[in-house]
Amino acid sequence: MLTKFLKFFKKKKCPDFVVHNIGGTLGHKSPLSDYDKWLDVINFNVGVAIKINNVLIPKMKKSANHKIVHVSSISGDSLRGSAPYACSKNFLNSYIKTLGRYLGKKNIVVSGVMPGAIMEKDGHWDNIKRNSPHIMADFLRHHHAIGKFGRAREISPWVIFLCSKFSTPFNTGALINIDGGTM
């Protein structure tokens, strides 16, 4: 599917902004996971974005005011949770900063948001809520200042801002932490 997407954009006009919102553990959580499983997680969380960006950026360089926004995770800063996931998001955060520096003078703003724990239907925390509510309650009590999970609707305004005319080249490389006061 990624190959079809990349072929499509090689032929089409470049979008004004791109939002990369992909990620997950792929079920590989141990720091002792096989090397190939680590690579799968890294490719899923960062590699796909790199491939898409490498197709779109040459087109973006031909005109001004393009935005690239990546949805990362606070796991990339704290290295909490699944080791392969956290390390891949840390890689993504470094990629955002270095790509932002590289493209900043070309009026292409590269930035990202780092959400904390998000509650979504059939997501990780929804499954914990159903199967192990005591784990969820303990997590909220010990790790969240506001005592509740975030929702996608609390992250999306930040993404919209980063795609807007108000996000200037001075924002390039910015990573916005949106985590409900995670402790």
N, C-alpha and C. Protein backbone atom coordinates (compact mmCIF):
# COMPACT_ATOMS: atom_id res chain seq x y z
N MET A 1 0.82 -1.19 0.00
CA MET A 1 0.00 0.00 0.00
C MET A 1 0.87 1.26 0.00
N LEU A 2 1.96 1.24 0.77
CA LEU A 2 2.85 2.40 0.82
C LEU A 2 3.43 2.66 -0.57
N THR A 3 3.76 1.61 -1.29
CA THR A 3 4.31 1.76 -2.64
C THR A 3 3.32 2.48 -3.55
N LYS A 4 2.04 2.10 -3.50
CA LYS A 4 1.01 2.76 -4.30
C LYS A 4 0.89 4.24 -3.93
N PHE A 5 0.93 4.52 -2.63
CA PHE A 5 0.86 5.89 -2.14
C PHE A 5 2.02 6.71 -2.68
N LEU A 6 3.22 6.17 -2.59
CA LEU A 6 4.41 6.89 -3.05
C LEU A 6 4.36 7.14 -4.55
N LYS A 7 3.91 6.16 -5.32
CA LYS A 7 3.78 6.33 -6.77
C LYS A 7 2.75 7.41 -7.09
N PHE A 8 1.65 7.44 -6.34
CA PHE A 8 0.61 8.44 -6.53
C PHE A 8 1.18 9.84 -6.36
N PHE A 9 1.93 10.08 -5.27
CA PHE A 9 2.44 11.41 -5.00
C PHE A 9 3.62 11.79 -5.89
N LYS A 10 4.28 10.84 -6.46
CA LYS A 10 5.35 11.18 -7.41
C LYS A 10 4.77 11.86 -8.64
N LYS A 11 3.51 11.53 -8.97
CA LYS A 11 2.86 12.06 -10.17
C LYS A 11 2.00 13.29 -9.88
N LYS A 12 1.59 13.49 -8.65
CA LYS A 12 0.62 14.54 -8.31
C LYS A 12 1.30 15.78 -7.74
N LYS A 13 0.49 16.83 -7.65
CA LYS A 13 0.93 18.08 -7.03
C LYS A 13 1.21 17.83 -5.55
N CYS A 14 2.12 18.57 -5.02
CA CYS A 14 2.52 18.42 -3.63
C CYS A 14 1.48 19.03 -2.69
N PRO A 15 1.12 18.36 -1.59
CA PRO A 15 0.18 18.95 -0.64
C PRO A 15 0.84 20.09 0.14
N ASP A 16 0.03 20.99 0.68
CA ASP A 16 0.55 22.09 1.50
C ASP A 16 1.09 21.60 2.83
N PHE A 17 0.46 20.57 3.35
CA PHE A 17 0.95 20.00 4.62
C PHE A 17 0.74 18.50 4.62
N VAL A 18 1.55 17.84 5.45
CA VAL A 18 1.47 16.40 5.64
C VAL A 18 1.47 16.13 7.13
N VAL A 19 0.57 15.26 7.58
CA VAL A 19 0.55 14.84 8.98
C VAL A 19 0.85 13.35 9.01
N HIS A 20 1.93 13.01 9.68
CA HIS A 20 2.30 11.60 9.87
C HIS A 20 1.75 11.16 11.22
N ASN A 21 0.75 10.29 11.18
CA ASN A 21 0.10 9.83 12.41
C ASN A 21 0.04 8.31 12.38
N ILE A 22 1.19 7.71 12.58
CA ILE A 22 1.26 6.26 12.58
C ILE A 22 2.17 5.84 13.72
N GLY A 23 1.84 4.75 14.32
CA GLY A 23 2.71 4.27 15.40
C GLY A 23 2.11 3.12 16.14
N GLY A 24 2.95 2.44 16.87
CA GLY A 24 2.51 1.32 17.68
C GLY A 24 3.65 0.38 17.98
N THR A 25 3.36 -0.56 18.86
CA THR A 25 4.38 -1.53 19.29
C THR A 25 4.48 -2.74 18.37
N LEU A 26 3.45 -2.97 17.57
CA LEU A 26 3.33 -4.18 16.75
C LEU A 26 3.43 -5.44 17.61
N GLY A 27 3.13 -5.29 18.90
CA GLY A 27 3.17 -6.42 19.83
C GLY A 27 4.57 -6.77 20.32
N HIS A 28 5.56 -5.98 19.96
CA HIS A 28 6.96 -6.24 20.36
C HIS A 28 7.33 -5.25 21.45
N LYS A 29 7.37 -5.73 22.68
CA LYS A 29 7.54 -4.81 23.81
C LYS A 29 8.83 -5.01 24.58
N SER A 30 9.45 -6.13 24.45
CA SER A 30 10.63 -6.44 25.26
C SER A 30 11.89 -5.81 24.69
N PRO A 31 12.78 -5.34 25.58
CA PRO A 31 14.08 -4.87 25.09
C PRO A 31 14.90 -6.01 24.50
N LEU A 32 14.50 -7.24 24.78
CA LEU A 32 15.21 -8.41 24.25
C LEU A 32 14.51 -9.00 23.02
N SER A 33 13.61 -8.23 22.43
CA SER A 33 12.96 -8.68 21.19
C SER A 33 14.03 -8.92 20.13
N ASP A 34 13.73 -9.82 19.21
CA ASP A 34 14.66 -10.08 18.11
C ASP A 34 14.95 -8.80 17.34
N TYR A 35 16.13 -8.73 16.80
CA TYR A 35 16.57 -7.57 16.04
C TYR A 35 15.58 -7.24 14.92
N ASP A 36 15.11 -8.27 14.21
CA ASP A 36 14.15 -8.04 13.12
C ASP A 36 12.85 -7.42 13.62
N LYS A 37 12.43 -7.77 14.82
CA LYS A 37 11.22 -7.18 15.40
C LYS A 37 11.47 -5.71 15.76
N TRP A 38 12.65 -5.41 16.27
CA TRP A 38 13.02 -4.01 16.52
C TRP A 38 12.94 -3.22 15.22
N LEU A 39 13.50 -3.78 14.16
CA LEU A 39 13.47 -3.09 12.86
C LEU A 39 12.05 -2.88 12.36
N ASP A 40 11.18 -3.85 12.59
CA ASP A 40 9.77 -3.70 12.19
C ASP A 40 9.13 -2.51 12.92
N VAL A 41 9.39 -2.40 14.21
CA VAL A 41 8.82 -1.30 15.00
C VAL A 41 9.41 0.04 14.55
N ILE A 42 10.70 0.07 14.33
CA ILE A 42 11.36 1.30 13.87
C ILE A 42 10.82 1.71 12.50
N ASN A 43 10.70 0.75 11.60
CA ASN A 43 10.17 1.06 10.27
C ASN A 43 8.74 1.59 10.35
N PHE A 44 7.93 0.97 11.20
CA PHE A 44 6.53 1.37 11.34
C PHE A 44 6.41 2.79 11.93
N ASN A 45 7.21 3.10 12.93
CA ASN A 45 7.10 4.37 13.64
C ASN A 45 7.89 5.51 13.00
N VAL A 46 8.93 5.20 12.23
CA VAL A 46 9.77 6.24 11.63
C VAL A 46 9.99 6.02 10.13
N GLY A 47 10.26 4.81 9.76
CA GLY A 47 10.64 4.50 8.37
C GLY A 47 9.60 4.91 7.35
N VAL A 48 8.34 4.67 7.65
CA VAL A 48 7.26 5.04 6.72
C VAL A 48 7.27 6.55 6.49
N ALA A 49 7.43 7.32 7.56
CA ALA A 49 7.47 8.78 7.43
C ALA A 49 8.67 9.22 6.61
N ILE A 50 9.81 8.60 6.82
CA ILE A 50 11.00 8.95 6.05
C ILE A 50 10.77 8.69 4.56
N LYS A 51 10.19 7.56 4.24
CA LYS A 51 9.93 7.23 2.83
C LYS A 51 8.97 8.23 2.19
N ILE A 52 7.91 8.58 2.90
CA ILE A 52 6.94 9.54 2.37
C ILE A 52 7.59 10.92 2.23
N ASN A 53 8.30 11.35 3.27
CA ASN A 53 8.96 12.65 3.21
C ASN A 53 9.97 12.73 2.06
N ASN A 54 10.69 11.65 1.82
CA ASN A 54 11.69 11.66 0.75
C ASN A 54 11.06 11.82 -0.64
N VAL A 55 9.80 11.45 -0.77
CA VAL A 55 9.08 11.67 -2.04
C VAL A 55 8.55 13.10 -2.10
N LEU A 56 8.00 13.59 -0.98
CA LEU A 56 7.33 14.89 -0.98
C LEU A 56 8.27 16.09 -0.86
N ILE A 57 9.33 15.97 -0.12
CA ILE A 57 10.19 17.13 0.15
C ILE A 57 10.80 17.72 -1.12
N PRO A 58 11.28 16.94 -2.08
CA PRO A 58 11.78 17.58 -3.30
C PRO A 58 10.73 18.45 -3.98
N LYS A 59 9.47 18.05 -3.95
CA LYS A 59 8.40 18.86 -4.51
C LYS A 59 8.13 20.09 -3.63
N MET A 60 8.20 19.91 -2.32
CA MET A 60 7.96 21.03 -1.40
C MET A 60 9.02 22.11 -1.56
N LYS A 61 10.23 21.73 -1.89
CA LYS A 61 11.32 22.70 -2.03
C LYS A 61 11.09 23.66 -3.20
N LYS A 62 10.20 23.30 -4.12
CA LYS A 62 9.95 24.13 -5.30
C LYS A 62 9.05 25.33 -5.01
N SER A 63 8.35 25.31 -3.87
CA SER A 63 7.51 26.44 -3.48
C SER A 63 7.57 26.58 -1.96
N ALA A 64 7.11 27.69 -1.45
CA ALA A 64 7.26 27.99 -0.03
C ALA A 64 6.05 27.55 0.79
N ASN A 65 6.24 27.61 2.08
CA ASN A 65 5.17 27.46 3.08
C ASN A 65 4.54 26.08 3.14
N HIS A 66 5.34 25.06 3.23
CA HIS A 66 4.84 23.71 3.44
C HIS A 66 5.09 23.31 4.90
N LYS A 67 4.25 22.42 5.39
CA LYS A 67 4.36 21.96 6.77
C LYS A 67 4.39 20.43 6.79
N ILE A 68 5.25 19.89 7.63
CA ILE A 68 5.30 18.45 7.89
C ILE A 68 5.16 18.29 9.39
N VAL A 69 4.11 17.60 9.83
CA VAL A 69 3.85 17.40 11.25
C VAL A 69 3.85 15.90 11.54
N HIS A 70 4.60 15.53 12.56
CA HIS A 70 4.68 14.13 12.98
C HIS A 70 4.01 13.98 14.34
N VAL A 71 3.22 12.92 14.50
CA VAL A 71 2.67 12.59 15.80
C VAL A 71 3.61 11.57 16.43
N SER A 72 4.30 11.99 17.47
CA SER A 72 5.26 11.15 18.17
C SER A 72 4.62 10.64 19.45
N SER A 73 5.34 10.70 20.55
CA SER A 73 4.84 10.23 21.84
C SER A 73 5.75 10.74 22.94
N ILE A 74 5.19 10.92 24.13
CA ILE A 74 6.05 11.27 25.26
C ILE A 74 6.99 10.11 25.59
N SER A 75 6.67 8.91 25.12
CA SER A 75 7.58 7.78 25.33
C SER A 75 8.94 8.03 24.70
N GLY A 76 8.96 8.84 23.64
CA GLY A 76 10.23 9.16 22.99
C GLY A 76 11.15 9.99 23.85
N ASP A 77 10.59 10.78 24.77
CA ASP A 77 11.41 11.56 25.70
C ASP A 77 11.68 10.81 26.99
N SER A 78 10.68 10.10 27.49
CA SER A 78 10.81 9.45 28.80
C SER A 78 11.39 8.04 28.70
N LEU A 79 11.30 7.45 27.50
CA LEU A 79 11.71 6.06 27.27
C LEU A 79 10.98 5.10 28.22
N ARG A 80 9.71 5.44 28.54
CA ARG A 80 8.86 4.56 29.33
C ARG A 80 8.04 3.68 28.41
N GLY A 81 7.61 2.57 28.93
CA GLY A 81 6.77 1.67 28.17
C GLY A 81 7.59 0.69 27.36
N SER A 82 7.04 0.26 26.25
CA SER A 82 7.69 -0.71 25.37
C SER A 82 9.02 -0.17 24.87
N ALA A 83 10.08 -0.93 25.06
CA ALA A 83 11.43 -0.48 24.66
C ALA A 83 11.54 -0.20 23.16
N PRO A 84 11.14 -1.12 22.28
CA PRO A 84 11.27 -0.81 20.86
C PRO A 84 10.44 0.41 20.44
N TYR A 85 9.23 0.54 20.99
CA TYR A 85 8.37 1.67 20.67
C TYR A 85 9.01 2.98 21.15
N ALA A 86 9.40 3.02 22.42
CA ALA A 86 9.98 4.23 22.99
C ALA A 86 11.24 4.65 22.23
N CYS A 87 12.09 3.70 21.92
CA CYS A 87 13.31 4.02 21.18
C CYS A 87 13.00 4.51 19.77
N SER A 88 12.00 3.93 19.13
CA SER A 88 11.64 4.37 17.78
C SER A 88 11.06 5.78 17.81
N LYS A 89 10.29 6.12 18.84
CA LYS A 89 9.75 7.48 18.96
C LYS A 89 10.86 8.47 19.31
N ASN A 90 11.88 8.03 20.05
CA ASN A 90 13.03 8.87 20.31
C ASN A 90 13.77 9.15 19.00
N PHE A 91 13.90 8.14 18.17
CA PHE A 91 14.48 8.29 16.83
C PHE A 91 13.65 9.28 16.02
N LEU A 92 12.31 9.14 16.07
CA LEU A 92 11.44 10.06 15.34
C LEU A 92 11.65 11.50 15.82
N ASN A 93 11.75 11.70 17.13
CA ASN A 93 11.96 13.05 17.66
C ASN A 93 13.27 13.65 17.15
N SER A 94 14.31 12.85 17.11
CA SER A 94 15.59 13.33 16.58
C SER A 94 15.49 13.62 15.09
N TYR A 95 14.76 12.79 14.38
CA TYR A 95 14.54 13.01 12.95
C TYR A 95 13.81 14.33 12.71
N ILE A 96 12.78 14.61 13.52
CA ILE A 96 12.02 15.87 13.40
C ILE A 96 12.96 17.06 13.57
N LYS A 97 13.78 17.02 14.59
CA LYS A 97 14.67 18.15 14.86
C LYS A 97 15.73 18.32 13.76
N THR A 98 16.34 17.24 13.34
CA THR A 98 17.40 17.37 12.33
C THR A 98 16.82 17.71 10.96
N LEU A 99 15.69 17.12 10.60
CA LEU A 99 15.05 17.46 9.33
C LEU A 99 14.57 18.91 9.36
N GLY A 100 14.04 19.33 10.50
CA GLY A 100 13.60 20.72 10.65
C GLY A 100 14.74 21.70 10.43
N ARG A 101 15.90 21.40 11.00
CA ARG A 101 17.08 22.26 10.80
C ARG A 101 17.48 22.29 9.32
N TYR A 102 17.44 21.15 8.70
CA TYR A 102 17.85 21.04 7.30
C TYR A 102 16.92 21.81 6.37
N LEU A 103 15.61 21.77 6.66
CA LEU A 103 14.62 22.37 5.76
C LEU A 103 14.16 23.77 6.18
N GLY A 104 14.57 24.23 7.34
CA GLY A 104 14.09 25.51 7.86
C GLY A 104 14.31 26.68 6.92
N LYS A 105 15.45 26.76 6.29
CA LYS A 105 15.75 27.88 5.39
C LYS A 105 14.98 27.78 4.08
N LYS A 106 14.36 26.67 3.83
CA LYS A 106 13.59 26.48 2.60
C LYS A 106 12.10 26.74 2.83
N ASN A 107 11.74 27.31 3.98
CA ASN A 107 10.35 27.58 4.35
C ASN A 107 9.49 26.33 4.40
N ILE A 108 10.09 25.23 4.79
CA ILE A 108 9.35 23.99 5.07
C ILE A 108 9.48 23.77 6.58
N VAL A 109 8.35 23.85 7.27
CA VAL A 109 8.35 23.72 8.73
C VAL A 109 8.10 22.27 9.10
N VAL A 110 9.04 21.68 9.81
CA VAL A 110 8.93 20.30 10.29
C VAL A 110 8.78 20.37 11.80
N SER A 111 7.72 19.77 12.32
CA SER A 111 7.47 19.82 13.76
C SER A 111 6.75 18.55 14.19
N GLY A 112 6.46 18.48 15.48
CA GLY A 112 5.76 17.30 15.97
C GLY A 112 5.04 17.55 17.27
N VAL A 113 4.12 16.68 17.57
CA VAL A 113 3.45 16.67 18.86
C VAL A 113 3.78 15.36 19.55
N MET A 114 3.86 15.44 20.88
CA MET A 114 4.15 14.25 21.69
C MET A 114 3.01 14.03 22.68
N PRO A 115 1.97 13.32 22.24
CA PRO A 115 0.86 13.06 23.16
C PRO A 115 1.26 12.11 24.28
N GLY A 116 0.58 12.27 25.39
CA GLY A 116 0.68 11.32 26.48
C GLY A 116 -0.30 10.19 26.24
N ALA A 117 -0.74 9.56 27.32
CA ALA A 117 -1.67 8.43 27.23
C ALA A 117 -3.03 8.90 26.73
N ILE A 118 -3.48 8.29 25.65
CA ILE A 118 -4.73 8.67 24.99
C ILE A 118 -5.73 7.52 25.09
N MET A 119 -6.95 7.85 25.43
CA MET A 119 -8.04 6.86 25.49
C MET A 119 -8.81 6.91 24.18
N GLU A 120 -8.79 5.82 23.47
CA GLU A 120 -9.56 5.69 22.22
C GLU A 120 -10.21 4.32 22.20
N LYS A 121 -11.34 4.23 21.58
CA LYS A 121 -12.07 2.96 21.49
C LYS A 121 -11.17 1.89 20.88
N ASP A 122 -11.07 0.78 21.57
CA ASP A 122 -10.27 -0.38 21.17
C ASP A 122 -8.77 -0.11 21.17
N GLY A 123 -8.36 1.00 21.73
CA GLY A 123 -6.93 1.29 21.86
C GLY A 123 -6.34 0.60 23.07
N HIS A 124 -5.05 0.82 23.30
CA HIS A 124 -4.33 0.18 24.40
C HIS A 124 -5.02 0.40 25.74
N TRP A 125 -5.30 1.67 26.07
CA TRP A 125 -5.86 1.96 27.39
C TRP A 125 -7.31 1.52 27.51
N ASP A 126 -8.03 1.49 26.41
CA ASP A 126 -9.40 0.97 26.44
C ASP A 126 -9.38 -0.53 26.76
N ASN A 127 -8.43 -1.24 26.21
CA ASN A 127 -8.29 -2.67 26.52
C ASN A 127 -7.90 -2.89 27.98
N ILE A 128 -6.99 -2.06 28.49
CA ILE A 128 -6.60 -2.15 29.90
C ILE A 128 -7.81 -1.85 30.79
N LYS A 129 -8.58 -0.85 30.41
CA LYS A 129 -9.77 -0.47 31.18
C LYS A 129 -10.74 -1.65 31.29
N ARG A 130 -10.93 -2.37 30.19
CA ARG A 130 -11.85 -3.51 30.18
C ARG A 130 -11.28 -4.70 30.94
N ASN A 131 -10.00 -4.98 30.74
CA ASN A 131 -9.41 -6.22 31.25
C ASN A 131 -8.69 -6.09 32.58
N SER A 132 -8.17 -4.93 32.89
CA SER A 132 -7.41 -4.73 34.13
C SER A 132 -7.64 -3.33 34.68
N PRO A 133 -8.87 -3.01 35.09
CA PRO A 133 -9.15 -1.64 35.52
C PRO A 133 -8.27 -1.16 36.68
N HIS A 134 -7.81 -2.08 37.51
CA HIS A 134 -6.93 -1.69 38.62
C HIS A 134 -5.59 -1.15 38.12
N ILE A 135 -5.10 -1.68 37.00
CA ILE A 135 -3.84 -1.17 36.40
C ILE A 135 -4.06 0.24 35.87
N MET A 136 -5.20 0.46 35.23
CA MET A 136 -5.51 1.78 34.70
C MET A 136 -5.63 2.79 35.84
N ALA A 137 -6.35 2.43 36.89
CA ALA A 137 -6.53 3.33 38.03
C ALA A 137 -5.18 3.66 38.67
N ASP A 138 -4.32 2.67 38.81
CA ASP A 138 -3.00 2.89 39.39
C ASP A 138 -2.16 3.81 38.51
N PHE A 139 -2.23 3.60 37.20
CA PHE A 139 -1.48 4.45 36.27
C PHE A 139 -1.92 5.90 36.39
N LEU A 140 -3.23 6.13 36.37
CA LEU A 140 -3.74 7.49 36.47
C LEU A 140 -3.37 8.14 37.81
N ARG A 141 -3.46 7.37 38.88
CA ARG A 141 -3.16 7.91 40.21
C ARG A 141 -1.69 8.30 40.34
N HIS A 142 -0.80 7.51 39.76
CA HIS A 142 0.63 7.74 39.96
C HIS A 142 1.31 8.52 38.83
N HIS A 143 0.67 8.63 37.68
CA HIS A 143 1.38 9.22 36.54
C HIS A 143 0.69 10.39 35.87
N HIS A 144 -0.56 10.68 36.23
CA HIS A 144 -1.28 11.76 35.56
C HIS A 144 -1.78 12.80 36.55
N ALA A 145 -1.25 14.00 36.45
CA ALA A 145 -1.64 15.08 37.36
C ALA A 145 -3.13 15.39 37.27
N ILE A 146 -3.69 15.26 36.08
CA ILE A 146 -5.12 15.60 35.91
C ILE A 146 -6.03 14.41 36.17
N GLY A 147 -5.46 13.22 36.35
CA GLY A 147 -6.26 12.05 36.71
C GLY A 147 -7.14 11.48 35.61
N LYS A 148 -6.85 11.82 34.36
CA LYS A 148 -7.63 11.26 33.25
C LYS A 148 -6.75 11.15 32.01
N PHE A 149 -7.19 10.32 31.10
CA PHE A 149 -6.50 10.17 29.83
C PHE A 149 -6.88 11.29 28.87
N GLY A 150 -6.03 11.53 27.91
CA GLY A 150 -6.34 12.48 26.86
C GLY A 150 -7.23 11.85 25.81
N ARG A 151 -7.73 12.67 24.95
CA ARG A 151 -8.55 12.25 23.80
C ARG A 151 -7.94 12.84 22.54
N ALA A 152 -8.22 12.22 21.42
CA ALA A 152 -7.69 12.73 20.15
C ALA A 152 -8.10 14.18 19.93
N ARG A 153 -9.30 14.53 20.34
CA ARG A 153 -9.78 15.91 20.15
C ARG A 153 -8.97 16.93 20.94
N GLU A 154 -8.18 16.47 21.91
CA GLU A 154 -7.32 17.37 22.66
C GLU A 154 -5.94 17.52 22.01
N ILE A 155 -5.62 16.64 21.11
CA ILE A 155 -4.35 16.68 20.39
C ILE A 155 -4.52 17.39 19.04
N SER A 156 -5.65 17.14 18.39
CA SER A 156 -5.86 17.66 17.03
C SER A 156 -5.75 19.18 16.90
N PRO A 157 -6.18 20.00 17.88
CA PRO A 157 -6.00 21.45 17.69
C PRO A 157 -4.52 21.85 17.55
N TRP A 158 -3.65 21.14 18.23
CA TRP A 158 -2.23 21.44 18.13
C TRP A 158 -1.70 21.07 16.75
N VAL A 159 -2.16 19.95 16.22
CA VAL A 159 -1.75 19.53 14.87
C VAL A 159 -2.26 20.54 13.85
N ILE A 160 -3.51 20.96 14.01
CA ILE A 160 -4.08 21.97 13.10
C ILE A 160 -3.26 23.26 13.15
N PHE A 161 -2.90 23.69 14.36
CA PHE A 161 -2.07 24.89 14.48
C PHE A 161 -0.75 24.72 13.72
N LEU A 162 -0.10 23.56 13.89
CA LEU A 162 1.20 23.34 13.24
C LEU A 162 1.09 23.27 11.71
N CYS A 163 -0.12 23.00 11.21
CA CYS A 163 -0.35 22.99 9.77
C CYS A 163 -0.80 24.36 9.25
N SER A 164 -1.04 25.28 10.13
CA SER A 164 -1.64 26.56 9.74
C SER A 164 -0.60 27.61 9.36
N LYS A 165 -1.10 28.76 8.93
CA LYS A 165 -0.23 29.89 8.57
C LYS A 165 0.46 30.46 9.81
N PHE A 166 -0.02 30.14 11.00
CA PHE A 166 0.57 30.65 12.23
C PHE A 166 1.83 29.88 12.63
N SER A 167 2.03 28.75 12.01
CA SER A 167 3.25 27.98 12.24
C SER A 167 4.29 28.46 11.23
N THR A 168 5.26 29.19 11.72
CA THR A 168 6.26 29.82 10.85
C THR A 168 7.56 29.03 10.88
N PRO A 169 8.52 29.37 10.02
CA PRO A 169 9.80 28.68 10.07
C PRO A 169 10.48 28.73 11.44
N PHE A 170 10.10 29.69 12.29
CA PHE A 170 10.67 29.72 13.63
C PHE A 170 10.23 28.52 14.45
N ASN A 171 9.14 27.84 14.05
CA ASN A 171 8.65 26.64 14.74
C ASN A 171 9.39 25.38 14.31
N THR A 172 10.23 25.46 13.29
CA THR A 172 10.81 24.24 12.76
C THR A 172 11.60 23.48 13.82
N GLY A 173 11.41 22.20 13.84
CA GLY A 173 12.06 21.33 14.82
C GLY A 173 11.35 21.28 16.16
N ALA A 174 10.26 22.02 16.30
CA ALA A 174 9.54 22.07 17.58
C ALA A 174 8.82 20.75 17.86
N LEU A 175 8.86 20.35 19.11
CA LEU A 175 8.13 19.19 19.59
C LEU A 175 7.26 19.65 20.76
N ILE A 176 5.96 19.54 20.58
CA ILE A 176 5.02 20.02 21.61
C ILE A 176 4.55 18.84 22.46
N ASN A 177 4.81 18.95 23.74
CA ASN A 177 4.44 17.92 24.70
C ASN A 177 3.00 18.17 25.16
N ILE A 178 2.11 17.20 24.94
CA ILE A 178 0.70 17.33 25.33
C ILE A 178 0.34 16.06 26.10
N ASP A 179 0.51 16.12 27.43
CA ASP A 179 0.44 14.86 28.18
C ASP A 179 -0.39 14.89 29.46
N GLY A 180 -1.16 15.94 29.70
CA GLY A 180 -2.00 15.97 30.89
C GLY A 180 -1.22 16.05 32.19
N GLY A 181 -0.03 16.58 32.14
CA GLY A 181 0.77 16.71 33.35
C GLY A 181 1.37 15.39 33.81
N THR A 182 1.81 14.59 32.86
CA THR A 182 2.41 13.29 33.19
C THR A 182 3.55 13.47 34.17
N MET A 183 3.58 12.62 35.15
CA MET A 183 4.62 12.68 36.19
C MET A 183 5.50 11.46 36.12
